[in-house]
Amino acid sequence: MNGIAPGRLESRQIHERLHPTPASREACIAAHIPAGRFGAADEGAAVICFLASAPARCVAGVTLPVDGGTVRRSFCGGRAASAG
């Protein structure tokens, strides 16, 4: 059994309810998302397609975060870790 753990995705809910102004969206991204943007639904869908594909037939028991680095940042005390 595999799964994905999506982070904040571009959606009507983000724009209308959670972060209704550009300033609130920018503040959330700056504070929480090292990738510098909310994710797109097709990015999560691509990970699901990969997990359902033949190349992933040996991938088992994982949950892949699709969150722009949000989980990684939380493990680094609120700072984005350097890539590499």
C-alpha atoms as a PDB file:
ATOM      1  CA  MET A   1       0.000   0.000   0.000  1.00  0.00           C
ATOM      2  CA  ASN A   2       1.399   3.372  -1.045  1.00  0.00           C
ATOM      3  CA  GLY A   3       0.065   6.860  -0.686  1.00  0.00           C
ATOM      4  CA  ILE A   4       0.778  10.509  -1.231  1.00  0.00           C
ATOM      5  CA  ALA A   5       0.679  13.369   1.262  1.00  0.00           C
ATOM      6  CA  PRO A   6      -0.240  16.474  -0.704  1.00  0.00           C
ATOM      7  CA  GLY A   7       0.539  19.909   0.593  1.00  0.00           C
ATOM      8  CA  ARG A   8      -1.312  23.084  -0.331  1.00  0.00           C
ATOM      9  CA  LEU A   9      -2.465  22.985  -3.928  1.00  0.00           C
ATOM     10  CA  GLU A  10      -3.631  25.839  -6.123  1.00  0.00           C
ATOM     11  CA  SER A  11      -7.397  25.716  -5.772  1.00  0.00           C
ATOM     12  CA  ARG A  12     -10.488  27.805  -5.328  1.00  0.00           C
ATOM     13  CA  GLN A  13     -10.380  27.006  -1.597  1.00  0.00           C
ATOM     14  CA  ILE A  14      -6.861  28.478  -1.322  1.00  0.00           C
ATOM     15  CA  HIS A  15      -7.860  31.645  -3.170  1.00  0.00           C
ATOM     16  CA  GLU A  16     -11.289  32.202  -1.626  1.00  0.00           C
ATOM     17  CA  ARG A  17     -11.090  30.836   1.897  1.00  0.00           C
ATOM     18  CA  LEU A  18      -7.611  30.084   3.224  1.00  0.00           C
ATOM     19  CA  HIS A  19      -5.569  32.844   1.585  1.00  0.00           C
ATOM     20  CA  PRO A  20      -7.973  35.304  -0.040  1.00  0.00           C
ATOM     21  CA  THR A  21      -5.406  38.008  -0.761  1.00  0.00           C
ATOM     22  CA  PRO A  22      -2.163  37.854  -2.706  1.00  0.00           C
ATOM     23  CA  ALA A  23      -0.359  39.066   0.431  1.00  0.00           C
ATOM     24  CA  SER A  24      -1.692  36.199   2.553  1.00  0.00           C
ATOM     25  CA  ARG A  25      -0.760  33.661  -0.136  1.00  0.00           C
ATOM     26  CA  GLU A  26       2.746  35.118  -0.414  1.00  0.00           C
ATOM     27  CA  ALA A  27       3.164  35.071   3.375  1.00  0.00           C
ATOM     28  CA  CYS A  28       2.114  31.413   3.593  1.00  0.00           C
ATOM     29  CA  ILE A  29       4.471  30.433   0.796  1.00  0.00           C
ATOM     30  CA  ALA A  30       7.380  32.372   2.295  1.00  0.00           C
ATOM     31  CA  ALA A  31       6.829  30.873   5.736  1.00  0.00           C
ATOM     32  CA  HIS A  32       6.108  27.258   4.810  1.00  0.00           C
ATOM     33  CA  ILE A  33       6.891  26.211   1.234  1.00  0.00           C
ATOM     34  CA  PRO A  34      10.552  26.078   0.157  1.00  0.00           C
ATOM     35  CA  ALA A  35       9.560  25.449  -3.475  1.00  0.00           C
ATOM     36  CA  GLY A  36       8.205  29.003  -3.527  1.00  0.00           C
ATOM     37  CA  ARG A  37       4.702  28.194  -4.746  1.00  0.00           C
ATOM     38  CA  PHE A  38       1.612  26.135  -4.076  1.00  0.00           C
ATOM     39  CA  GLY A  39       1.517  22.834  -5.912  1.00  0.00           C
ATOM     40  CA  ALA A  40      -0.606  22.012  -8.922  1.00  0.00           C
ATOM     41  CA  ALA A  41      -3.147  19.203  -9.007  1.00  0.00           C
ATOM     42  CA  ASP A  42      -1.389  17.620 -11.978  1.00  0.00           C
ATOM     43  CA  GLU A  43       1.801  17.279  -9.927  1.00  0.00           C
ATOM     44  CA  GLY A  44       0.003  15.127  -7.370  1.00  0.00           C
ATOM     45  CA  ALA A  45      -1.691  13.185 -10.158  1.00  0.00           C
ATOM     46  CA  ALA A  46       1.696  12.470 -11.752  1.00  0.00           C
ATOM     47  CA  VAL A  47       2.956  10.922  -8.504  1.00  0.00           C
ATOM     48  CA  ILE A  48      -0.183   8.769  -8.280  1.00  0.00           C
ATOM     49  CA  CYS A  49       0.343   7.638 -11.886  1.00  0.00           C
ATOM     50  CA  PHE A  50       3.958   6.778 -11.106  1.00  0.00           C
ATOM     51  CA  LEU A  51       2.966   4.701  -8.071  1.00  0.00           C
ATOM     52  CA  ALA A  52       0.443   2.825 -10.237  1.00  0.00           C
ATOM     53  CA  SER A  53       2.975   2.197 -13.015  1.00  0.00           C
ATOM     54  CA  ALA A  54       5.267  -0.725 -13.776  1.00  0.00           C
ATOM     55  CA  PRO A  55       8.447   1.210 -12.847  1.00  0.00           C
ATOM     56  CA  ALA A  56       7.091   1.507  -9.298  1.00  0.00           C
ATOM     57  CA  ARG A  57       6.197  -2.159  -8.881  1.00  0.00           C
ATOM     58  CA  CYS A  58       8.915  -2.545  -6.224  1.00  0.00           C
ATOM     59  CA  VAL A  59       7.861   0.558  -4.295  1.00  0.00           C
ATOM     60  CA  ALA A  60       5.864  -0.631  -1.318  1.00  0.00           C
ATOM     61  CA  GLY A  61       4.684   0.837   1.944  1.00  0.00           C
ATOM     62  CA  VAL A  62       5.608   4.466   1.281  1.00  0.00           C
ATOM     63  CA  THR A  63       3.862   7.768   1.612  1.00  0.00           C
ATOM     64  CA  LEU A  64       5.379  10.354  -0.712  1.00  0.00           C
ATOM     65  CA  PRO A  65       5.003  13.989   0.257  1.00  0.00           C
ATOM     66  CA  VAL A  66       3.979  16.201  -2.657  1.00  0.00           C
ATOM     67  CA  ASP A  67       4.251  19.440  -0.744  1.00  0.00           C
ATOM     68  CA  GLY A  68       6.974  21.637  -2.192  1.00  0.00           C
ATOM     69  CA  GLY A  69       9.340  20.852   0.683  1.00  0.00           C
ATOM     70  CA  THR A  70       6.981  21.719   3.547  1.00  0.00           C
ATOM     71  CA  VAL A  71       7.808  18.502   5.443  1.00  0.00           C
ATOM     72  CA  ARG A  72      11.527  19.027   4.930  1.00  0.00           C
ATOM     73  CA  ARG A  73      11.298  22.573   6.272  1.00  0.00           C
ATOM     74  CA  SER A  74       9.537  21.366   9.427  1.00  0.00           C
ATOM     75  CA  PHE A  75      12.437  19.012  10.135  1.00  0.00           C
ATOM     76  CA  CYS A  76      14.884  21.896   9.798  1.00  0.00           C
ATOM     77  CA  GLY A  77      13.444  24.080  12.526  1.00  0.00           C
ATOM     78  CA  GLY A  78      11.503  26.303  10.144  1.00  0.00           C
ATOM     79  CA  ARG A  79      14.389  26.867   7.733  1.00  0.00           C
ATOM     80  CA  ALA A  80      14.553  25.455   4.253  1.00  0.00           C
ATOM     81  CA  ALA A  81      17.378  22.974   3.987  1.00  0.00           C
ATOM     82  CA  SER A  82      19.842  23.487   1.207  1.00  0.00           C
ATOM     83  CA  ALA A  83      19.400  21.117  -1.680  1.00  0.00           C
ATOM     84  CA  GLY A  84      22.335  18.820  -2.048  1.00  0.00           C
END
